[in-house]
Amino acid sequence: MCRNIRTLLNFDPPATPEEIRAASLQFVRKISGFNAPSKANEASFMAAVDEIAGVSARLLNSLATNATPKNREEEAAKAKARAAERFSG
């Protein structure tokens, strides 16, 4: 599950709210142990996702870096190559 949480800082264009929310959802799934919460836990689960997404967005907006922004397509190609190497043979 953790492999789905990706670095979101220093991309051009910046991370979208959807990407931040997806990472937040994966984080809550990981720490709660629920892939999908029961109806009894759904409100708490979704509230945690919302809070973490908000905190994450504020964090990303407040961080500064001197590094050149990463290109999404290049990073995706690198990840695909790593996955092909990991799962081949």
PDB file of N, CA and C in Angstrom:
ATOM      1  N   MET A   1       0.799  -1.200   0.000  1.00  0.00           N
ATOM      2  CA  MET A   1       0.000   0.000   0.000  1.00  0.00           C
ATOM      3  C   MET A   1       0.846   1.270   0.000  1.00  0.00           C
ATOM      4  N   CYS A   2       1.960   1.288   0.714  1.00  0.00           N
ATOM      5  CA  CYS A   2       2.783   2.503   0.808  1.00  0.00           C
ATOM      6  C   CYS A   2       3.376   2.919  -0.525  1.00  0.00           C
ATOM      7  N   ARG A   3       3.573   1.980  -1.422  1.00  0.00           N
ATOM      8  CA  ARG A   3       4.170   2.332  -2.706  1.00  0.00           C
ATOM      9  C   ARG A   3       3.299   3.304  -3.489  1.00  0.00           C
ATOM     10  N   ASN A   4       2.031   3.399  -3.148  1.00  0.00           N
ATOM     11  CA  ASN A   4       1.134   4.305  -3.853  1.00  0.00           C
ATOM     12  C   ASN A   4       1.281   5.753  -3.391  1.00  0.00           C
ATOM     13  N   ILE A   5       1.972   5.977  -2.279  1.00  0.00           N
ATOM     14  CA  ILE A   5       2.186   7.334  -1.811  1.00  0.00           C
ATOM     15  C   ILE A   5       3.428   7.857  -2.512  1.00  0.00           C
ATOM     16  N   ARG A   6       3.250   8.886  -3.305  1.00  0.00           N
ATOM     17  CA  ARG A   6       4.336   9.441  -4.108  1.00  0.00           C
ATOM     18  C   ARG A   6       4.772  10.792  -3.562  1.00  0.00           C
ATOM     19  N   THR A   7       6.011  11.149  -3.827  1.00  0.00           N
ATOM     20  CA  THR A   7       6.499  12.478  -3.488  1.00  0.00           C
ATOM     21  C   THR A   7       5.731  13.494  -4.318  1.00  0.00           C
ATOM     22  N   LEU A   8       5.274  14.553  -3.668  1.00  0.00           N
ATOM     23  CA  LEU A   8       4.467  15.551  -4.364  1.00  0.00           C
ATOM     24  C   LEU A   8       5.139  16.915  -4.438  1.00  0.00           C
ATOM     25  N   LEU A   9       6.270  17.060  -3.783  1.00  0.00           N
ATOM     26  CA  LEU A   9       6.959  18.350  -3.751  1.00  0.00           C
ATOM     27  C   LEU A   9       7.825  18.538  -4.984  1.00  0.00           C
ATOM     28  N   ASN A  10       7.842  19.776  -5.451  1.00  0.00           N
ATOM     29  CA  ASN A  10       8.771  20.234  -6.489  1.00  0.00           C
ATOM     30  C   ASN A  10       8.511  19.616  -7.862  1.00  0.00           C
ATOM     31  N   PHE A  11       7.255  19.626  -8.259  1.00  0.00           N
ATOM     32  CA  PHE A  11       6.908  19.213  -9.611  1.00  0.00           C
ATOM     33  C   PHE A  11       6.397  20.414 -10.383  1.00  0.00           C
ATOM     34  N   ASP A  12       6.581  20.369 -11.683  1.00  0.00           N
ATOM     35  CA  ASP A  12       6.048  21.402 -12.550  1.00  0.00           C
ATOM     36  C   ASP A  12       5.132  20.728 -13.558  1.00  0.00           C
ATOM     37  N   PRO A  13       3.845  20.943 -13.510  1.00  0.00           N
ATOM     38  CA  PRO A  13       3.101  21.799 -12.591  1.00  0.00           C
ATOM     39  C   PRO A  13       3.007  21.179 -11.196  1.00  0.00           C
ATOM     40  N   PRO A  14       2.660  22.021 -10.193  1.00  0.00           N
ATOM     41  CA  PRO A  14       2.579  21.539  -8.812  1.00  0.00           C
ATOM     42  C   PRO A  14       1.524  20.438  -8.640  1.00  0.00           C
ATOM     43  N   ALA A  15       1.631  19.737  -7.528  1.00  0.00           N
ATOM     44  CA  ALA A  15       0.670  18.671  -7.217  1.00  0.00           C
ATOM     45  C   ALA A  15      -0.745  19.237  -7.188  1.00  0.00           C
ATOM     46  N   THR A  16      -1.659  18.467  -7.713  1.00  0.00           N
ATOM     47  CA  THR A  16      -3.060  18.887  -7.736  1.00  0.00           C
ATOM     48  C   THR A  16      -3.740  18.483  -6.433  1.00  0.00           C
ATOM     49  N   PRO A  17      -4.872  19.101  -6.115  1.00  0.00           N
ATOM     50  CA  PRO A  17      -5.629  18.675  -4.933  1.00  0.00           C
ATOM     51  C   PRO A  17      -6.017  17.191  -4.996  1.00  0.00           C
ATOM     52  N   GLU A  18      -6.262  16.685  -6.188  1.00  0.00           N
ATOM     53  CA  GLU A  18      -6.619  15.275  -6.350  1.00  0.00           C
ATOM     54  C   GLU A  18      -5.442  14.369  -5.982  1.00  0.00           C
ATOM     55  N   GLU A  19      -4.228  14.757  -6.390  1.00  0.00           N
ATOM     56  CA  GLU A  19      -3.045  13.974  -6.043  1.00  0.00           C
ATOM     57  C   GLU A  19      -2.790  13.998  -4.539  1.00  0.00           C
ATOM     58  N   ILE A  20      -2.966  15.159  -3.932  1.00  0.00           N
ATOM     59  CA  ILE A  20      -2.780  15.283  -2.486  1.00  0.00           C
ATOM     60  C   ILE A  20      -3.813  14.441  -1.756  1.00  0.00           C
ATOM     61  N   ARG A  21      -5.045  14.475  -2.200  1.00  0.00           N
ATOM     62  CA  ARG A  21      -6.098  13.680  -1.561  1.00  0.00           C
ATOM     63  C   ARG A  21      -5.836  12.181  -1.733  1.00  0.00           C
ATOM     64  N   ALA A  22      -5.381  11.760  -2.907  1.00  0.00           N
ATOM     65  CA  ALA A  22      -5.088  10.340  -3.138  1.00  0.00           C
ATOM     66  C   ALA A  22      -3.980   9.859  -2.211  1.00  0.00           C
ATOM     67  N   ALA A  23      -2.937  10.672  -2.031  1.00  0.00           N
ATOM     68  CA  ALA A  23      -1.858  10.304  -1.116  1.00  0.00           C
ATOM     69  C   ALA A  23      -2.367  10.251   0.316  1.00  0.00           C
ATOM     70  N   SER A  24      -3.241  11.177   0.674  1.00  0.00           N
ATOM     71  CA  SER A  24      -3.823  11.205   2.021  1.00  0.00           C
ATOM     72  C   SER A  24      -4.679   9.981   2.269  1.00  0.00           C
ATOM     73  N   LEU A  25      -5.441   9.583   1.279  1.00  0.00           N
ATOM     74  CA  LEU A  25      -6.268   8.380   1.389  1.00  0.00           C
ATOM     75  C   LEU A  25      -5.395   7.153   1.603  1.00  0.00           C
ATOM     76  N   GLN A  26      -4.306   7.042   0.856  1.00  0.00           N
ATOM     77  CA  GLN A  26      -3.403   5.901   1.021  1.00  0.00           C
ATOM     78  C   GLN A  26      -2.780   5.892   2.411  1.00  0.00           C
ATOM     79  N   PHE A  27      -2.427   7.061   2.916  1.00  0.00           N
ATOM     80  CA  PHE A  27      -1.844   7.163   4.244  1.00  0.00           C
ATOM     81  C   PHE A  27      -2.839   6.685   5.300  1.00  0.00           C
ATOM     82  N   VAL A  28      -4.075   7.153   5.214  1.00  0.00           N
ATOM     83  CA  VAL A  28      -5.094   6.754   6.191  1.00  0.00           C
ATOM     84  C   VAL A  28      -5.378   5.258   6.075  1.00  0.00           C
ATOM     85  N   ARG A  29      -5.420   4.741   4.866  1.00  0.00           N
ATOM     86  CA  ARG A  29      -5.609   3.295   4.689  1.00  0.00           C
ATOM     87  C   ARG A  29      -4.491   2.519   5.372  1.00  0.00           C
ATOM     88  N   LYS A  30      -3.268   2.999   5.205  1.00  0.00           N
ATOM     89  CA  LYS A  30      -2.119   2.299   5.770  1.00  0.00           C
ATOM     90  C   LYS A  30      -2.159   2.310   7.295  1.00  0.00           C
ATOM     91  N   ILE A  31      -2.349   3.471   7.897  1.00  0.00           N
ATOM     92  CA  ILE A  31      -2.274   3.525   9.344  1.00  0.00           C
ATOM     93  C   ILE A  31      -3.503   2.938  10.024  1.00  0.00           C
ATOM     94  N   SER A  32      -4.644   2.932   9.328  1.00  0.00           N
ATOM     95  CA  SER A  32      -5.854   2.364   9.934  1.00  0.00           C
ATOM     96  C   SER A  32      -5.959   0.858   9.704  1.00  0.00           C
ATOM     97  N   GLY A  33      -5.327   0.379   8.634  1.00  0.00           N
ATOM     98  CA  GLY A  33      -5.442  -1.027   8.279  1.00  0.00           C
ATOM     99  C   GLY A  33      -6.706  -1.337   7.493  1.00  0.00           C
ATOM    100  N   PHE A  34      -7.470  -0.312   7.157  1.00  0.00           N
ATOM    101  CA  PHE A  34      -8.706  -0.488   6.381  1.00  0.00           C
ATOM    102  C   PHE A  34      -8.471  -0.084   4.938  1.00  0.00           C
ATOM    103  N   ASN A  35      -8.832  -0.948   4.012  1.00  0.00           N
ATOM    104  CA  ASN A  35      -8.846  -0.543   2.616  1.00  0.00           C
ATOM    105  C   ASN A  35     -10.115   0.260   2.363  1.00  0.00           C
ATOM    106  N   ALA A  36     -11.205  -0.217   2.930  1.00  0.00           N
ATOM    107  CA  ALA A  36     -12.483   0.486   2.902  1.00  0.00           C
ATOM    108  C   ALA A  36     -13.086   0.335   4.293  1.00  0.00           C
ATOM    109  N   PRO A  37     -13.384   1.446   4.957  1.00  0.00           N
ATOM    110  CA  PRO A  37     -13.896   1.351   6.315  1.00  0.00           C
ATOM    111  C   PRO A  37     -15.338   0.842   6.351  1.00  0.00           C
ATOM    112  N   SER A  38     -15.729   0.306   7.494  1.00  0.00           N
ATOM    113  CA  SER A  38     -17.127  -0.089   7.686  1.00  0.00           C
ATOM    114  C   SER A  38     -17.978   1.175   7.786  1.00  0.00           C
ATOM    115  N   LYS A  39     -19.267   1.022   7.686  1.00  0.00           N
ATOM    116  CA  LYS A  39     -20.174   2.176   7.808  1.00  0.00           C
ATOM    117  C   LYS A  39     -19.980   2.868   9.150  1.00  0.00           C
ATOM    118  N   ALA A  40     -19.706   2.084  10.201  1.00  0.00           N
ATOM    119  CA  ALA A  40     -19.516   2.657  11.542  1.00  0.00           C
ATOM    120  C   ALA A  40     -18.270   3.539  11.600  1.00  0.00           C
ATOM    121  N   ASN A  41     -17.266   3.250  10.792  1.00  0.00           N
ATOM    122  CA  ASN A  41     -16.009   3.995  10.812  1.00  0.00           C
ATOM    123  C   ASN A  41     -15.840   4.961   9.649  1.00  0.00           C
ATOM    124  N   GLU A  42     -16.778   4.968   8.725  1.00  0.00           N
ATOM    125  CA  GLU A  42     -16.620   5.755   7.507  1.00  0.00           C
ATOM    126  C   GLU A  42     -16.461   7.252   7.761  1.00  0.00           C
ATOM    127  N   ALA A  43     -17.246   7.819   8.653  1.00  0.00           N
ATOM    128  CA  ALA A  43     -17.166   9.263   8.914  1.00  0.00           C
ATOM    129  C   ALA A  43     -15.803   9.637   9.493  1.00  0.00           C
ATOM    130  N   SER A  44     -15.321   8.866  10.441  1.00  0.00           N
ATOM    131  CA  SER A  44     -14.008   9.139  11.039  1.00  0.00           C
ATOM    132  C   SER A  44     -12.905   8.969  10.014  1.00  0.00           C
ATOM    133  N   PHE A  45     -13.008   7.938   9.205  1.00  0.00           N
ATOM    134  CA  PHE A  45     -12.018   7.642   8.172  1.00  0.00           C
ATOM    135  C   PHE A  45     -11.938   8.803   7.184  1.00  0.00           C
ATOM    136  N   MET A  46     -13.082   9.244   6.673  1.00  0.00           N
ATOM    137  CA  MET A  46     -13.095  10.317   5.678  1.00  0.00           C
ATOM    138  C   MET A  46     -12.685  11.657   6.288  1.00  0.00           C
ATOM    139  N   ALA A  47     -13.030  11.886   7.563  1.00  0.00           N
ATOM    140  CA  ALA A  47     -12.595  13.113   8.235  1.00  0.00           C
ATOM    141  C   ALA A  47     -11.069  13.137   8.335  1.00  0.00           C
ATOM    142  N   ALA A  48     -10.475  11.987   8.629  1.00  0.00           N
ATOM    143  CA  ALA A  48      -9.011  11.902   8.702  1.00  0.00           C
ATOM    144  C   ALA A  48      -8.392  12.178   7.340  1.00  0.00           C
ATOM    145  N   VAL A  49      -8.972  11.642   6.284  1.00  0.00           N
ATOM    146  CA  VAL A  49      -8.460  11.897   4.925  1.00  0.00           C
ATOM    147  C   VAL A  49      -8.515  13.393   4.626  1.00  0.00           C
ATOM    148  N   ASP A  50      -9.635  14.024   4.951  1.00  0.00           N
ATOM    149  CA  ASP A  50      -9.786  15.467   4.704  1.00  0.00           C
ATOM    150  C   ASP A  50      -8.759  16.280   5.484  1.00  0.00           C
ATOM    151  N   GLU A  51      -8.583  15.950   6.763  1.00  0.00           N
ATOM    152  CA  GLU A  51      -7.626  16.688   7.587  1.00  0.00           C
ATOM    153  C   GLU A  51      -6.199  16.515   7.077  1.00  0.00           C
ATOM    154  N   ILE A  52      -5.833  15.301   6.755  1.00  0.00           N
ATOM    155  CA  ILE A  52      -4.471  15.042   6.271  1.00  0.00           C
ATOM    156  C   ILE A  52      -4.237  15.710   4.925  1.00  0.00           C
ATOM    157  N   ALA A  53      -5.243  15.712   4.066  1.00  0.00           N
ATOM    158  CA  ALA A  53      -5.104  16.394   2.776  1.00  0.00           C
ATOM    159  C   ALA A  53      -4.891  17.887   2.986  1.00  0.00           C
ATOM    160  N   GLY A  54      -5.616  18.474   3.911  1.00  0.00           N
ATOM    161  CA  GLY A  54      -5.450  19.908   4.199  1.00  0.00           C
ATOM    162  C   GLY A  54      -4.080  20.227   4.751  1.00  0.00           C
ATOM    163  N   VAL A  55      -3.630  19.440   5.715  1.00  0.00           N
ATOM    164  CA  VAL A  55      -2.300  19.638   6.301  1.00  0.00           C
ATOM    165  C   VAL A  55      -1.225  19.426   5.238  1.00  0.00           C
ATOM    166  N   SER A  56      -1.397  18.422   4.407  1.00  0.00           N
ATOM    167  CA  SER A  56      -0.410  18.137   3.357  1.00  0.00           C
ATOM    168  C   SER A  56      -0.323  19.280   2.357  1.00  0.00           C
ATOM    169  N   ALA A  57      -1.463  19.831   1.970  1.00  0.00           N
ATOM    170  CA  ALA A  57      -1.469  20.945   1.022  1.00  0.00           C
ATOM    171  C   ALA A  57      -0.763  22.154   1.630  1.00  0.00           C
ATOM    172  N   ARG A  58      -1.046  22.437   2.905  1.00  0.00           N
ATOM    173  CA  ARG A  58      -0.376  23.561   3.564  1.00  0.00           C
ATOM    174  C   ARG A  58       1.127  23.324   3.652  1.00  0.00           C
ATOM    175  N   LEU A  59       1.524  22.096   3.959  1.00  0.00           N
ATOM    176  CA  LEU A  59       2.948  21.768   4.024  1.00  0.00           C
ATOM    177  C   LEU A  59       3.611  21.995   2.671  1.00  0.00           C
ATOM    178  N   LEU A  60       3.034  21.445   1.621  1.00  0.00           N
ATOM    179  CA  LEU A  60       3.627  21.579   0.286  1.00  0.00           C
ATOM    180  C   LEU A  60       3.721  23.039  -0.136  1.00  0.00           C
ATOM    181  N   ASN A  61       2.720  23.842   0.230  1.00  0.00           N
ATOM    182  CA  ASN A  61       2.729  25.263  -0.137  1.00  0.00           C
ATOM    183  C   ASN A  61       3.747  26.064   0.662  1.00  0.00           C
ATOM    184  N   SER A  62       4.128  25.571   1.841  1.00  0.00           N
ATOM    185  CA  SER A  62       5.043  26.331   2.688  1.00  0.00           C
ATOM    186  C   SER A  62       6.506  25.945   2.498  1.00  0.00           C
ATOM    187  N   LEU A  63       6.769  24.802   1.893  1.00  0.00           N
ATOM    188  CA  LEU A  63       8.145  24.351   1.719  1.00  0.00           C
ATOM    189  C   LEU A  63       8.826  25.085   0.564  1.00  0.00           C
ATOM    190  N   ALA A  64      10.110  25.341   0.741  1.00  0.00           N
ATOM    191  CA  ALA A  64      10.898  25.996  -0.305  1.00  0.00           C
ATOM    192  C   ALA A  64      12.047  25.073  -0.690  1.00  0.00           C
ATOM    193  N   THR A  65      12.414  25.122  -1.962  1.00  0.00           N
ATOM    194  CA  THR A  65      13.535  24.333  -2.440  1.00  0.00           C
ATOM    195  C   THR A  65      14.245  25.098  -3.547  1.00  0.00           C
ATOM    196  N   ASN A  66      15.539  24.899  -3.646  1.00  0.00           N
ATOM    197  CA  ASN A  66      16.319  25.516  -4.719  1.00  0.00           C
ATOM    198  C   ASN A  66      16.499  24.567  -5.893  1.00  0.00           C
ATOM    199  N   ALA A  67      16.021  23.348  -5.738  1.00  0.00           N
ATOM    200  CA  ALA A  67      16.169  22.349  -6.799  1.00  0.00           C
ATOM    201  C   ALA A  67      15.281  22.699  -7.988  1.00  0.00           C
ATOM    202  N   THR A  68      15.721  22.284  -9.146  1.00  0.00           N
ATOM    203  CA  THR A  68      14.924  22.469 -10.353  1.00  0.00           C
ATOM    204  C   THR A  68      13.686  21.585 -10.264  1.00  0.00           C
ATOM    205  N   PRO A  69      12.510  22.118 -10.611  1.00  0.00           N
ATOM    206  CA  PRO A  69      11.295  21.291 -10.555  1.00  0.00           C
ATOM    207  C   PRO A  69      11.420  20.053 -11.436  1.00  0.00           C
ATOM    208  N   LYS A  70      10.854  18.948 -10.945  1.00  0.00           N
ATOM    209  CA  LYS A  70      10.900  17.680 -11.682  1.00  0.00           C
ATOM    210  C   LYS A  70       9.804  17.650 -12.744  1.00  0.00           C
ATOM    211  N   ASN A  71      10.108  16.973 -13.816  1.00  0.00           N
ATOM    212  CA  ASN A  71       9.159  16.797 -14.911  1.00  0.00           C
ATOM    213  C   ASN A  71       8.351  15.527 -14.657  1.00  0.00           C
ATOM    214  N   ARG A  72       7.042  15.643 -14.669  1.00  0.00           N
ATOM    215  CA  ARG A  72       6.170  14.498 -14.375  1.00  0.00           C
ATOM    216  C   ARG A  72       6.375  13.331 -15.335  1.00  0.00           C
ATOM    217  N   GLU A  73       6.501  13.631 -16.616  1.00  0.00           N
ATOM    218  CA  GLU A  73       6.662  12.558 -17.602  1.00  0.00           C
ATOM    219  C   GLU A  73       7.978  11.811 -17.407  1.00  0.00           C
ATOM    220  N   GLU A  74       9.050  12.554 -17.141  1.00  0.00           N
ATOM    221  CA  GLU A  74      10.349  11.916 -16.919  1.00  0.00           C
ATOM    222  C   GLU A  74      10.324  11.039 -15.670  1.00  0.00           C
ATOM    223  N   GLU A  75       9.710  11.535 -14.596  1.00  0.00           N
ATOM    224  CA  GLU A  75       9.628  10.769 -13.352  1.00  0.00           C
ATOM    225  C   GLU A  75       8.766   9.522 -13.537  1.00  0.00           C
ATOM    226  N   ALA A  76       7.694   9.644 -14.314  1.00  0.00           N
ATOM    227  CA  ALA A  76       6.832   8.490 -14.586  1.00  0.00           C
ATOM    228  C   ALA A  76       7.586   7.438 -15.395  1.00  0.00           C
ATOM    229  N   ALA A  77       8.383   7.888 -16.360  1.00  0.00           N
ATOM    230  CA  ALA A  77       9.176   6.951 -17.166  1.00  0.00           C
ATOM    231  C   ALA A  77      10.209   6.231 -16.302  1.00  0.00           C
ATOM    232  N   LYS A  78      10.852   6.962 -15.380  1.00  0.00           N
ATOM    233  CA  LYS A  78      11.811   6.334 -14.470  1.00  0.00           C
ATOM    234  C   LYS A  78      11.127   5.286 -13.586  1.00  0.00           C
ATOM    235  N   ALA A  79       9.948   5.631 -13.071  1.00  0.00           N
ATOM    236  CA  ALA A  79       9.210   4.694 -12.213  1.00  0.00           C
ATOM    237  C   ALA A  79       8.798   3.456 -12.991  1.00  0.00           C
ATOM    238  N   LYS A  80       8.390   3.644 -14.241  1.00  0.00           N
ATOM    239  CA  LYS A  80       7.994   2.508 -15.072  1.00  0.00           C
ATOM    240  C   LYS A  80       9.190   1.598 -15.339  1.00  0.00           C
ATOM    241  N   ALA A  81      10.351   2.199 -15.586  1.00  0.00           N
ATOM    242  CA  ALA A  81      11.566   1.410 -15.821  1.00  0.00           C
ATOM    243  C   ALA A  81      11.963   0.637 -14.565  1.00  0.00           C
ATOM    244  N   ARG A  82      11.859   1.278 -13.385  1.00  0.00           N
ATOM    245  CA  ARG A  82      12.176   0.572 -12.134  1.00  0.00           C
ATOM    246  C   ARG A  82      11.223  -0.588 -11.913  1.00  0.00           C
ATOM    247  N   ALA A  83       9.941  -0.372 -12.193  1.00  0.00           N
ATOM    248  CA  ALA A  83       8.949  -1.439 -12.008  1.00  0.00           C
ATOM    249  C   ALA A  83       9.218  -2.585 -12.975  1.00  0.00           C
ATOM    250  N   ALA A  84       9.560  -2.273 -14.211  1.00  0.00           N
ATOM    251  CA  ALA A  84       9.845  -3.326 -15.193  1.00  0.00           C
ATOM    252  C   ALA A  84      11.044  -4.157 -14.751  1.00  0.00           C
ATOM    253  N   GLU A  85      12.062  -3.499 -14.221  1.00  0.00           N
ATOM    254  CA  GLU A  85      13.253  -4.207 -13.750  1.00  0.00           C
ATOM    255  C   GLU A  85      12.916  -5.061 -12.525  1.00  0.00           C
ATOM    256  N   ARG A  86      12.119  -4.520 -11.623  1.00  0.00           N
ATOM    257  CA  ARG A  86      11.764  -5.221 -10.391  1.00  0.00           C
ATOM    258  C   ARG A  86      10.917  -6.451 -10.672  1.00  0.00           C
ATOM    259  N   PHE A  87      10.003  -6.350 -11.624  1.00  0.00           N
ATOM    260  CA  PHE A  87       9.061  -7.447 -11.876  1.00  0.00           C
ATOM    261  C   PHE A  87       9.423  -8.334 -13.051  1.00  0.00           C
ATOM    262  N   SER A  88      10.539  -8.073 -13.704  1.00  0.00           N
ATOM    263  CA  SER A  88      10.932  -8.922 -14.831  1.00  0.00           C
ATOM    264  C   SER A  88      11.671 -10.149 -14.319  1.00  0.00           C
ATOM    265  N   GLY A  89      11.621 -11.187 -15.120  1.00  0.00           N
ATOM    266  CA  GLY A  89      12.403 -12.380 -14.854  1.00  0.00           C
ATOM    267  C   GLY A  89      11.927 -13.173 -13.758  1.00  0.00           C
TER     268      GLY A  89
END
